[in-house]
Amino acid sequence: EGIYPTPAIGGVGLIKDLSKTMTIGLKTEGNILCVVGESNNHLGNTQYLSIIKNKEEGGTPHINLDDELKNGKFILDCINKNIAKSVHDIGEGGILVAAAEMCIAGNLGIKIRINKDFLHGYFFGEDQGRYLLEISDDNFDHLSNLASETNVFVEKLASINEKNISINDIGSISVNKLKASHLEWFENFTDE
C-alpha cells in the first residue's frame, strides 16, 4: 500500500570544541527541565492521534523558519555559555516522549508540575522549533533574561529527581519500569 511522503534531511557539522557537545541524558538530580519554544498543542497527523486515537487526519504544524532559527541559536548560545546540561529536540511524539527519552538516557526521573488547559495537546503536540533544556535550578533567572533579550519563549516543565516520572497528581511511573519496557519491546516482538 502507499505510504505517506517522508521528507528527510541529513545534516553534518563540525564541532570545534568537544567540551561543548550535548547529550540527551539528564545529568543531575535537582536540576530543572525547561521547554524552549512555544507549544500550540498541534495534534494533527501526530503519533498521539495515530496510536492513541487510531486516526490519521489533520495537517502538519505551521513552520516559522525565523522561530526555528532563533530557537536553535538560543540553544547554541546556552551550550556555549555552559548553561545547558543536556538538550533534546521535541519532535515525533511531543514533549512527553522527548522527556521520557531524556529520563531513560540519564536514568533519572522528573516531576512535572504544569497547569495547562489541554494537557494532551501540550504533552503530545508536535509543534516545530522546540527543545527540552536541562539547566541548574539557580540558572533559571539567567536563562529567562537571555530568553527575554532574544524574544524566545521559555518555561519550566519539571524538576529532575532520582527515580520516577510523575505528572501533577495524575500519575507516576518508575524510570526503571519505563526503561525495561523500552528495551524489551523488540525482544517480545521477535518472540511472537
N, C-alpha and C. Protein backbone atom coordinates (compact mmCIF):
# COMPACT_ATOMS: atom_id res chain seq x y z
N GLU A 1 0.85 -1.18 0.00
CA GLU A 1 0.00 0.00 0.00
C GLU A 1 0.89 1.24 0.00
N GLY A 2 0.32 2.31 -0.40
CA GLY A 2 1.07 3.56 -0.44
C GLY A 2 1.45 4.03 0.95
N ILE A 3 2.53 4.75 1.03
CA ILE A 3 2.97 5.31 2.32
C ILE A 3 2.94 6.83 2.23
N TYR A 4 2.88 7.46 3.41
CA TYR A 4 2.94 8.91 3.44
C TYR A 4 4.31 9.37 2.96
N PRO A 5 4.35 10.49 2.28
CA PRO A 5 5.68 11.02 1.90
C PRO A 5 6.51 11.26 3.16
N THR A 6 7.79 10.94 3.07
CA THR A 6 8.66 11.06 4.22
C THR A 6 9.89 11.89 3.85
N PRO A 7 9.76 13.19 3.96
CA PRO A 7 10.95 14.00 3.66
C PRO A 7 12.01 13.77 4.72
N ALA A 8 13.25 13.73 4.31
CA ALA A 8 14.35 13.53 5.24
C ALA A 8 15.46 14.51 4.92
N ILE A 9 16.06 15.03 5.96
CA ILE A 9 17.17 15.96 5.79
C ILE A 9 18.34 15.43 6.59
N GLY A 10 19.48 15.33 5.96
CA GLY A 10 20.69 14.93 6.67
C GLY A 10 21.53 16.17 6.92
N GLY A 11 22.12 16.24 8.08
CA GLY A 11 22.96 17.38 8.38
C GLY A 11 24.29 16.94 8.95
N VAL A 12 25.34 17.60 8.55
CA VAL A 12 26.67 17.31 9.05
C VAL A 12 27.28 18.62 9.51
N GLY A 13 27.92 18.60 10.66
CA GLY A 13 28.54 19.81 11.16
C GLY A 13 29.89 19.52 11.76
N LEU A 14 30.59 20.56 12.09
CA LEU A 14 31.91 20.45 12.69
C LEU A 14 31.85 21.06 14.09
N ILE A 15 32.24 20.29 15.08
CA ILE A 15 32.28 20.79 16.45
C ILE A 15 33.73 21.11 16.77
N LYS A 16 34.02 22.39 16.92
CA LYS A 16 35.39 22.83 17.15
C LYS A 16 35.86 22.55 18.57
N ASP A 17 34.94 22.54 19.53
CA ASP A 17 35.29 22.32 20.93
C ASP A 17 34.43 21.18 21.47
N LEU A 18 35.03 20.00 21.64
CA LEU A 18 34.27 18.83 22.05
C LEU A 18 33.69 18.95 23.45
N SER A 19 34.18 19.89 24.25
CA SER A 19 33.60 20.09 25.58
C SER A 19 32.22 20.73 25.48
N LYS A 20 31.84 21.19 24.29
CA LYS A 20 30.55 21.83 24.08
C LYS A 20 29.52 20.86 23.49
N THR A 21 29.84 19.58 23.42
CA THR A 21 28.86 18.62 22.90
C THR A 21 27.79 18.36 23.95
N MET A 22 26.61 18.05 23.49
CA MET A 22 25.48 17.78 24.38
C MET A 22 24.94 16.39 24.11
N THR A 23 24.41 15.78 25.14
CA THR A 23 23.69 14.53 25.00
C THR A 23 22.27 14.76 25.51
N ILE A 24 21.41 13.78 25.29
CA ILE A 24 20.02 13.92 25.74
C ILE A 24 19.81 13.42 27.16
N GLY A 25 20.74 12.67 27.70
CA GLY A 25 20.57 12.09 29.03
C GLY A 25 20.58 13.14 30.13
N LEU A 26 19.57 13.09 31.01
CA LEU A 26 19.53 14.00 32.14
C LEU A 26 20.77 13.77 33.01
N LYS A 27 21.27 14.85 33.62
CA LYS A 27 22.55 14.76 34.32
C LYS A 27 22.46 14.75 35.84
N THR A 28 21.66 15.66 36.43
CA THR A 28 21.77 15.86 37.88
C THR A 28 20.42 16.06 38.54
N GLU A 29 20.20 15.30 39.58
CA GLU A 29 19.00 15.48 40.41
C GLU A 29 19.01 16.90 40.99
N GLY A 30 17.86 17.55 40.99
CA GLY A 30 17.75 18.92 41.49
C GLY A 30 17.80 19.96 40.38
N ASN A 31 18.30 19.58 39.20
CA ASN A 31 18.24 20.49 38.05
C ASN A 31 16.80 20.61 37.58
N ILE A 32 16.57 21.52 36.64
CA ILE A 32 15.22 21.67 36.08
C ILE A 32 15.24 21.45 34.59
N LEU A 33 14.09 21.07 34.08
CA LEU A 33 13.90 20.84 32.66
C LEU A 33 12.97 21.91 32.14
N CYS A 34 13.40 22.61 31.10
CA CYS A 34 12.63 23.72 30.53
C CYS A 34 12.23 23.40 29.10
N VAL A 35 11.12 23.99 28.68
CA VAL A 35 10.70 23.94 27.29
C VAL A 35 11.12 25.24 26.64
N VAL A 36 11.82 25.13 25.52
CA VAL A 36 12.22 26.30 24.74
C VAL A 36 11.39 26.27 23.46
N GLY A 37 10.66 27.35 23.19
CA GLY A 37 9.79 27.43 22.02
C GLY A 37 8.34 27.26 22.43
N GLU A 38 7.47 27.90 21.69
CA GLU A 38 6.05 27.88 22.05
C GLU A 38 5.36 26.59 21.64
N SER A 39 4.47 26.14 22.50
CA SER A 39 3.66 24.95 22.24
C SER A 39 2.24 25.41 21.91
N ASN A 40 1.78 25.00 20.74
CA ASN A 40 0.43 25.38 20.31
C ASN A 40 -0.51 24.19 20.24
N ASN A 41 -0.11 23.08 20.87
CA ASN A 41 -0.97 21.90 21.01
C ASN A 41 -1.41 21.31 19.67
N HIS A 42 -0.53 21.31 18.69
CA HIS A 42 -0.87 20.80 17.38
C HIS A 42 -0.88 19.27 17.38
N LEU A 43 -2.06 18.68 17.22
CA LEU A 43 -2.19 17.22 17.23
C LEU A 43 -2.45 16.62 15.85
N GLY A 44 -2.66 17.43 14.84
CA GLY A 44 -2.93 16.90 13.50
C GLY A 44 -1.78 16.06 12.99
N ASN A 45 -2.09 14.85 12.52
CA ASN A 45 -1.11 13.93 11.94
C ASN A 45 0.02 13.57 12.90
N THR A 46 -0.25 13.53 14.20
CA THR A 46 0.77 13.21 15.19
C THR A 46 0.75 11.73 15.55
N GLN A 47 1.80 11.30 16.24
CA GLN A 47 1.84 9.94 16.75
C GLN A 47 0.71 9.70 17.74
N TYR A 48 0.41 10.70 18.56
CA TYR A 48 -0.69 10.59 19.53
C TYR A 48 -2.01 10.28 18.81
N LEU A 49 -2.30 11.05 17.80
CA LEU A 49 -3.55 10.86 17.07
C LEU A 49 -3.59 9.49 16.39
N SER A 50 -2.46 9.08 15.82
CA SER A 50 -2.39 7.82 15.12
C SER A 50 -2.48 6.62 16.08
N ILE A 51 -1.69 6.65 17.15
CA ILE A 51 -1.60 5.48 18.04
C ILE A 51 -2.73 5.45 19.06
N ILE A 52 -3.00 6.56 19.71
CA ILE A 52 -3.99 6.57 20.80
C ILE A 52 -5.41 6.68 20.26
N LYS A 53 -5.62 7.53 19.28
CA LYS A 53 -6.97 7.75 18.75
C LYS A 53 -7.26 6.96 17.49
N ASN A 54 -6.24 6.26 16.96
CA ASN A 54 -6.38 5.46 15.75
C ASN A 54 -6.93 6.28 14.57
N LYS A 55 -6.41 7.51 14.45
CA LYS A 55 -6.82 8.40 13.36
C LYS A 55 -5.59 8.93 12.66
N GLU A 56 -5.71 9.12 11.39
CA GLU A 56 -4.66 9.78 10.62
C GLU A 56 -5.33 10.91 9.86
N GLU A 57 -5.36 12.06 10.51
CA GLU A 57 -6.03 13.20 9.92
C GLU A 57 -5.37 14.49 10.40
N GLY A 58 -5.71 15.55 9.73
CA GLY A 58 -5.19 16.86 10.10
C GLY A 58 -3.92 17.19 9.32
N GLY A 59 -3.63 18.47 9.28
CA GLY A 59 -2.45 18.93 8.56
C GLY A 59 -1.22 18.92 9.45
N THR A 60 -0.14 19.31 8.86
CA THR A 60 1.11 19.42 9.61
C THR A 60 1.13 20.76 10.34
N PRO A 61 1.95 20.87 11.37
CA PRO A 61 2.01 22.14 12.11
C PRO A 61 2.60 23.25 11.26
N HIS A 62 2.24 24.47 11.60
CA HIS A 62 2.80 25.64 10.94
C HIS A 62 4.29 25.70 11.22
N ILE A 63 5.06 26.00 10.23
CA ILE A 63 6.51 26.13 10.40
C ILE A 63 6.90 27.58 10.17
N ASN A 64 7.54 28.15 11.17
CA ASN A 64 8.05 29.51 11.07
C ASN A 64 9.57 29.41 11.10
N LEU A 65 10.20 29.57 9.92
CA LEU A 65 11.64 29.38 9.84
C LEU A 65 12.42 30.39 10.68
N ASP A 66 11.87 31.58 10.85
CA ASP A 66 12.53 32.57 11.71
C ASP A 66 12.58 32.09 13.15
N ASP A 67 11.47 31.53 13.64
CA ASP A 67 11.44 30.99 15.00
C ASP A 67 12.36 29.78 15.14
N GLU A 68 12.38 28.92 14.11
CA GLU A 68 13.27 27.76 14.12
C GLU A 68 14.72 28.22 14.32
N LEU A 69 15.13 29.20 13.53
CA LEU A 69 16.50 29.71 13.59
C LEU A 69 16.77 30.38 14.94
N LYS A 70 15.84 31.21 15.38
CA LYS A 70 16.01 31.94 16.64
C LYS A 70 16.14 30.96 17.81
N ASN A 71 15.27 29.97 17.87
CA ASN A 71 15.31 29.00 18.97
C ASN A 71 16.57 28.13 18.91
N GLY A 72 16.96 27.74 17.70
CA GLY A 72 18.20 26.96 17.54
C GLY A 72 19.42 27.74 17.98
N LYS A 73 19.49 29.01 17.61
CA LYS A 73 20.61 29.86 18.04
C LYS A 73 20.61 30.05 19.55
N PHE A 74 19.42 30.16 20.13
CA PHE A 74 19.30 30.30 21.58
C PHE A 74 19.88 29.07 22.28
N ILE A 75 19.56 27.89 21.78
CA ILE A 75 20.09 26.65 22.36
C ILE A 75 21.61 26.63 22.23
N LEU A 76 22.13 26.98 21.06
CA LEU A 76 23.59 27.01 20.87
C LEU A 76 24.24 28.01 21.82
N ASP A 77 23.59 29.14 22.04
CA ASP A 77 24.11 30.14 22.97
C ASP A 77 24.15 29.59 24.39
N CYS A 78 23.10 28.86 24.78
CA CYS A 78 23.07 28.24 26.11
C CYS A 78 24.18 27.21 26.27
N ILE A 79 24.46 26.48 25.21
CA ILE A 79 25.54 25.49 25.25
C ILE A 79 26.88 26.22 25.37
N ASN A 80 27.10 27.23 24.54
CA ASN A 80 28.37 27.95 24.55
C ASN A 80 28.61 28.69 25.86
N LYS A 81 27.55 29.10 26.54
CA LYS A 81 27.69 29.80 27.82
C LYS A 81 27.67 28.85 29.01
N ASN A 82 27.72 27.54 28.71
CA ASN A 82 27.75 26.49 29.74
C ASN A 82 26.53 26.51 30.66
N ILE A 83 25.39 26.94 30.13
CA ILE A 83 24.14 26.91 30.88
C ILE A 83 23.47 25.55 30.71
N ALA A 84 23.54 25.01 29.50
CA ALA A 84 22.89 23.75 29.16
C ALA A 84 23.64 22.57 29.77
N LYS A 85 22.89 21.67 30.37
CA LYS A 85 23.46 20.41 30.89
C LYS A 85 23.13 19.26 29.96
N SER A 86 21.91 19.27 29.41
CA SER A 86 21.50 18.33 28.37
C SER A 86 20.42 19.00 27.54
N VAL A 87 20.29 18.54 26.29
CA VAL A 87 19.34 19.14 25.35
C VAL A 87 18.74 18.04 24.49
N HIS A 88 17.45 18.21 24.18
CA HIS A 88 16.80 17.28 23.24
C HIS A 88 15.77 18.05 22.44
N ASP A 89 15.72 17.80 21.15
CA ASP A 89 14.67 18.41 20.34
C ASP A 89 13.34 17.75 20.66
N ILE A 90 12.28 18.51 20.50
CA ILE A 90 10.93 17.96 20.68
C ILE A 90 10.41 17.67 19.29
N GLY A 91 10.29 16.41 18.97
CA GLY A 91 9.85 16.03 17.63
C GLY A 91 8.69 15.08 17.71
N GLU A 92 8.84 13.95 17.03
CA GLU A 92 7.79 12.95 16.94
C GLU A 92 7.38 12.49 18.34
N GLY A 93 6.11 12.61 18.64
CA GLY A 93 5.59 12.20 19.94
C GLY A 93 5.40 13.35 20.91
N GLY A 94 6.09 14.47 20.71
CA GLY A 94 5.89 15.65 21.54
C GLY A 94 6.75 15.70 22.79
N ILE A 95 6.37 16.61 23.69
CA ILE A 95 7.14 16.91 24.90
C ILE A 95 7.32 15.69 25.79
N LEU A 96 6.26 14.96 26.04
CA LEU A 96 6.34 13.85 26.99
C LEU A 96 7.23 12.72 26.47
N VAL A 97 7.19 12.46 25.19
CA VAL A 97 8.05 11.43 24.61
C VAL A 97 9.52 11.86 24.69
N ALA A 98 9.80 13.12 24.34
CA ALA A 98 11.18 13.62 24.42
C ALA A 98 11.69 13.59 25.87
N ALA A 99 10.83 13.98 26.81
CA ALA A 99 11.23 13.96 28.23
C ALA A 99 11.50 12.53 28.69
N ALA A 100 10.67 11.59 28.27
CA ALA A 100 10.87 10.18 28.65
C ALA A 100 12.19 9.67 28.08
N GLU A 101 12.52 10.06 26.86
CA GLU A 101 13.80 9.65 26.26
C GLU A 101 14.98 10.21 27.06
N MET A 102 14.85 11.44 27.55
CA MET A 102 15.90 12.04 28.36
C MET A 102 16.04 11.32 29.69
N CYS A 103 14.91 10.93 30.28
CA CYS A 103 14.92 10.19 31.55
C CYS A 103 15.59 8.83 31.37
N ILE A 104 15.21 8.12 30.32
CA ILE A 104 15.78 6.80 30.06
C ILE A 104 17.29 6.91 29.84
N ALA A 105 17.71 7.87 29.02
CA ALA A 105 19.14 8.03 28.70
C ALA A 105 19.96 8.41 29.92
N GLY A 106 19.39 9.19 30.84
CA GLY A 106 20.12 9.64 32.02
C GLY A 106 19.85 8.84 33.27
N ASN A 107 18.89 7.91 33.16
CA ASN A 107 18.48 7.08 34.31
C ASN A 107 18.07 7.94 35.51
N LEU A 108 17.36 9.02 35.21
CA LEU A 108 16.82 9.93 36.24
C LEU A 108 15.36 10.21 35.91
N GLY A 109 14.60 10.61 36.92
CA GLY A 109 13.19 10.92 36.72
C GLY A 109 12.94 12.42 36.71
N ILE A 110 11.68 12.77 36.49
CA ILE A 110 11.26 14.17 36.53
C ILE A 110 9.92 14.28 37.23
N LYS A 111 9.73 15.41 37.88
CA LYS A 111 8.44 15.71 38.49
C LYS A 111 7.87 16.91 37.74
N ILE A 112 6.84 16.64 36.94
CA ILE A 112 6.22 17.70 36.13
C ILE A 112 5.13 18.36 36.96
N ARG A 113 5.22 19.66 37.06
CA ARG A 113 4.19 20.47 37.71
C ARG A 113 3.84 21.58 36.74
N ILE A 114 2.77 21.38 35.98
CA ILE A 114 2.40 22.39 34.99
C ILE A 114 0.89 22.45 34.88
N ASN A 115 0.37 23.64 34.73
CA ASN A 115 -1.06 23.84 34.64
C ASN A 115 -1.41 24.32 33.24
N LYS A 116 -2.01 23.47 32.46
CA LYS A 116 -2.41 23.80 31.08
C LYS A 116 -3.86 23.38 30.88
N ASP A 117 -4.55 24.08 30.00
CA ASP A 117 -5.94 23.76 29.71
C ASP A 117 -6.10 22.45 28.97
N PHE A 118 -5.16 22.12 28.10
CA PHE A 118 -5.30 20.95 27.24
C PHE A 118 -4.01 20.13 27.32
N LEU A 119 -3.92 19.31 28.38
CA LEU A 119 -2.67 18.58 28.63
C LEU A 119 -2.30 17.62 27.50
N HIS A 120 -3.27 16.94 26.89
CA HIS A 120 -2.93 16.03 25.79
C HIS A 120 -2.25 16.77 24.66
N GLY A 121 -2.81 17.91 24.29
CA GLY A 121 -2.20 18.71 23.23
C GLY A 121 -0.83 19.22 23.61
N TYR A 122 -0.69 19.65 24.86
CA TYR A 122 0.59 20.18 25.32
C TYR A 122 1.66 19.08 25.34
N PHE A 123 1.33 17.93 25.90
CA PHE A 123 2.32 16.87 26.05
C PHE A 123 2.63 16.12 24.76
N PHE A 124 1.64 16.00 23.86
CA PHE A 124 1.84 15.17 22.68
C PHE A 124 1.79 15.94 21.36
N GLY A 125 1.57 17.26 21.41
CA GLY A 125 1.59 18.06 20.20
C GLY A 125 2.98 18.07 19.58
N GLU A 126 3.02 18.13 18.27
CA GLU A 126 4.30 18.08 17.56
C GLU A 126 4.60 19.41 16.88
N ASP A 127 4.38 20.50 17.61
CA ASP A 127 4.73 21.83 17.09
C ASP A 127 6.24 21.88 16.83
N GLN A 128 6.62 22.70 15.88
CA GLN A 128 8.00 22.76 15.43
C GLN A 128 8.85 23.73 16.26
N GLY A 129 10.17 23.60 16.13
CA GLY A 129 11.11 24.56 16.69
C GLY A 129 11.18 24.58 18.20
N ARG A 130 11.00 23.42 18.85
CA ARG A 130 11.01 23.37 20.31
C ARG A 130 12.09 22.41 20.81
N TYR A 131 12.53 22.69 22.04
CA TYR A 131 13.58 21.89 22.66
C TYR A 131 13.29 21.70 24.13
N LEU A 132 13.83 20.63 24.70
CA LEU A 132 13.90 20.48 26.14
C LEU A 132 15.33 20.76 26.54
N LEU A 133 15.48 21.56 27.58
CA LEU A 133 16.79 22.04 28.02
C LEU A 133 16.94 21.83 29.52
N GLU A 134 17.94 21.05 29.91
CA GLU A 134 18.23 20.87 31.34
C GLU A 134 19.23 21.93 31.77
N ILE A 135 18.90 22.62 32.87
CA ILE A 135 19.79 23.61 33.44
C ILE A 135 19.79 23.44 34.96
N SER A 136 20.77 24.03 35.63
CA SER A 136 20.73 24.03 37.09
C SER A 136 19.64 25.00 37.53
N ASP A 137 19.02 24.69 38.64
CA ASP A 137 17.90 25.49 39.15
C ASP A 137 18.29 26.96 39.35
N ASP A 138 19.52 27.20 39.81
CA ASP A 138 19.93 28.58 40.06
C ASP A 138 20.24 29.36 38.78
N ASN A 139 20.18 28.72 37.63
CA ASN A 139 20.40 29.41 36.35
C ASN A 139 19.10 29.84 35.66
N PHE A 140 17.94 29.55 36.27
CA PHE A 140 16.69 29.85 35.57
C PHE A 140 16.48 31.34 35.34
N ASP A 141 16.80 32.17 36.30
CA ASP A 141 16.65 33.62 36.11
C ASP A 141 17.54 34.11 34.98
N HIS A 142 18.78 33.61 34.94
CA HIS A 142 19.70 33.98 33.86
C HIS A 142 19.15 33.53 32.51
N LEU A 143 18.63 32.30 32.46
CA LEU A 143 18.03 31.77 31.24
C LEU A 143 16.84 32.63 30.81
N SER A 144 15.99 32.99 31.76
CA SER A 144 14.82 33.83 31.46
C SER A 144 15.24 35.18 30.89
N ASN A 145 16.29 35.77 31.46
CA ASN A 145 16.78 37.06 30.95
C ASN A 145 17.30 36.93 29.53
N LEU A 146 18.07 35.87 29.26
CA LEU A 146 18.57 35.63 27.90
C LEU A 146 17.41 35.43 26.93
N ALA A 147 16.40 34.69 27.36
CA ALA A 147 15.24 34.43 26.51
C ALA A 147 14.49 35.73 26.22
N SER A 148 14.35 36.56 27.23
CA SER A 148 13.66 37.84 27.06
C SER A 148 14.42 38.75 26.09
N GLU A 149 15.73 38.78 26.20
CA GLU A 149 16.56 39.60 25.31
C GLU A 149 16.46 39.16 23.85
N THR A 150 16.27 37.88 23.62
CA THR A 150 16.24 37.35 22.26
C THR A 150 14.83 37.00 21.79
N ASN A 151 13.83 37.33 22.61
CA ASN A 151 12.43 37.07 22.26
C ASN A 151 12.16 35.58 22.01
N VAL A 152 12.68 34.75 22.91
CA VAL A 152 12.48 33.31 22.84
C VAL A 152 11.59 32.90 24.02
N PHE A 153 10.61 32.06 23.74
CA PHE A 153 9.71 31.58 24.79
C PHE A 153 10.38 30.45 25.57
N VAL A 154 10.39 30.58 26.90
CA VAL A 154 10.95 29.55 27.78
C VAL A 154 10.01 29.37 28.97
N GLU A 155 9.79 28.11 29.37
CA GLU A 155 9.02 27.86 30.59
C GLU A 155 9.57 26.63 31.29
N LYS A 156 9.43 26.62 32.62
CA LYS A 156 9.82 25.45 33.40
C LYS A 156 8.82 24.34 33.14
N LEU A 157 9.33 23.14 32.97
CA LEU A 157 8.48 21.98 32.80
C LEU A 157 8.52 21.09 34.04
N ALA A 158 9.73 20.83 34.55
CA ALA A 158 9.86 19.81 35.60
C ALA A 158 11.14 20.00 36.39
N SER A 159 11.15 19.38 37.56
CA SER A 159 12.38 19.25 38.33
C SER A 159 12.85 17.81 38.17
N ILE A 160 14.16 17.64 38.19
CA ILE A 160 14.75 16.32 37.97
C ILE A 160 14.93 15.62 39.32
N ASN A 161 14.47 14.36 39.37
CA ASN A 161 14.57 13.60 40.61
C ASN A 161 15.24 12.25 40.35
N GLU A 162 15.25 11.44 41.36
CA GLU A 162 16.05 10.22 41.32
C GLU A 162 15.40 9.06 40.56
N LYS A 163 14.07 8.86 40.71
CA LYS A 163 13.54 7.56 40.29
C LYS A 163 12.31 7.55 39.39
N ASN A 164 11.44 8.54 39.47
CA ASN A 164 10.13 8.43 38.84
C ASN A 164 9.84 9.59 37.89
N ILE A 165 8.97 9.31 36.95
CA ILE A 165 8.39 10.35 36.13
C ILE A 165 6.97 10.54 36.64
N SER A 166 6.66 11.74 37.10
CA SER A 166 5.30 12.00 37.59
C SER A 166 4.78 13.28 36.97
N ILE A 167 3.47 13.30 36.76
CA ILE A 167 2.81 14.45 36.16
C ILE A 167 1.73 14.93 37.11
N ASN A 168 1.92 16.16 37.63
CA ASN A 168 0.96 16.76 38.56
C ASN A 168 0.52 15.69 39.56
N ASP A 169 -0.78 15.53 39.73
CA ASP A 169 -1.28 14.46 40.59
C ASP A 169 -1.94 13.36 39.75
N ILE A 170 -1.59 13.32 38.47
CA ILE A 170 -2.23 12.38 37.55
C ILE A 170 -1.68 10.98 37.72
N GLY A 171 -0.37 10.85 37.84
CA GLY A 171 0.20 9.52 37.95
C GLY A 171 1.71 9.56 37.92
N SER A 172 2.30 8.37 38.07
CA SER A 172 3.74 8.25 38.15
C SER A 172 4.16 6.89 37.61
N ILE A 173 5.37 6.83 37.06
CA ILE A 173 5.96 5.56 36.63
C ILE A 173 7.44 5.62 36.95
N SER A 174 7.99 4.49 37.37
CA SER A 174 9.43 4.47 37.67
C SER A 174 10.21 4.47 36.36
N VAL A 175 11.35 5.12 36.39
CA VAL A 175 12.20 5.16 35.20
C VAL A 175 12.68 3.76 34.86
N ASN A 176 12.94 2.95 35.87
CA ASN A 176 13.38 1.57 35.61
C ASN A 176 12.32 0.77 34.86
N LYS A 177 11.06 0.94 35.25
CA LYS A 177 9.97 0.23 34.55
C LYS A 177 9.83 0.74 33.12
N LEU A 178 9.92 2.04 32.94
CA LEU A 178 9.84 2.63 31.60
C LEU A 178 11.01 2.15 30.74
N LYS A 179 12.18 2.13 31.33
CA LYS A 179 13.39 1.69 30.62
C LYS A 179 13.26 0.23 30.20
N ALA A 180 12.75 -0.61 31.10
CA ALA A 180 12.57 -2.03 30.78
C ALA A 180 11.58 -2.21 29.64
N SER A 181 10.48 -1.48 29.67
CA SER A 181 9.50 -1.56 28.58
C SER A 181 10.11 -1.10 27.27
N HIS A 182 10.90 -0.06 27.34
CA HIS A 182 11.54 0.50 26.14
C HIS A 182 12.53 -0.50 25.54
N LEU A 183 13.27 -1.20 26.38
CA LEU A 183 14.29 -2.11 25.89
C LEU A 183 13.75 -3.49 25.52
N GLU A 184 12.63 -3.90 26.15
CA GLU A 184 12.13 -5.26 25.95
C GLU A 184 11.17 -5.40 24.77
N TRP A 185 10.66 -4.29 24.23
CA TRP A 185 9.63 -4.42 23.20
C TRP A 185 10.11 -5.22 22.00
N PHE A 186 11.35 -5.01 21.58
CA PHE A 186 11.84 -5.70 20.38
C PHE A 186 12.01 -7.19 20.64
N GLU A 187 12.52 -7.52 21.83
CA GLU A 187 12.66 -8.91 22.20
C GLU A 187 11.30 -9.60 22.23
N ASN A 188 10.31 -8.95 22.80
CA ASN A 188 8.96 -9.51 22.82
C ASN A 188 8.38 -9.61 21.42
N PHE A 189 8.66 -8.63 20.59
CA PHE A 189 8.16 -8.62 19.21
C PHE A 189 8.74 -9.78 18.42
N THR A 190 10.03 -10.05 18.59
CA THR A 190 10.66 -11.13 17.82
C THR A 190 10.29 -12.51 18.34
N ASP A 191 9.82 -12.60 19.58
CA ASP A 191 9.41 -13.89 20.13
C ASP A 191 8.05 -14.33 19.60
N GLU A 192 7.28 -13.40 19.04
CA GLU A 192 5.92 -13.75 18.58
C GLU A 192 5.92 -14.49 17.28
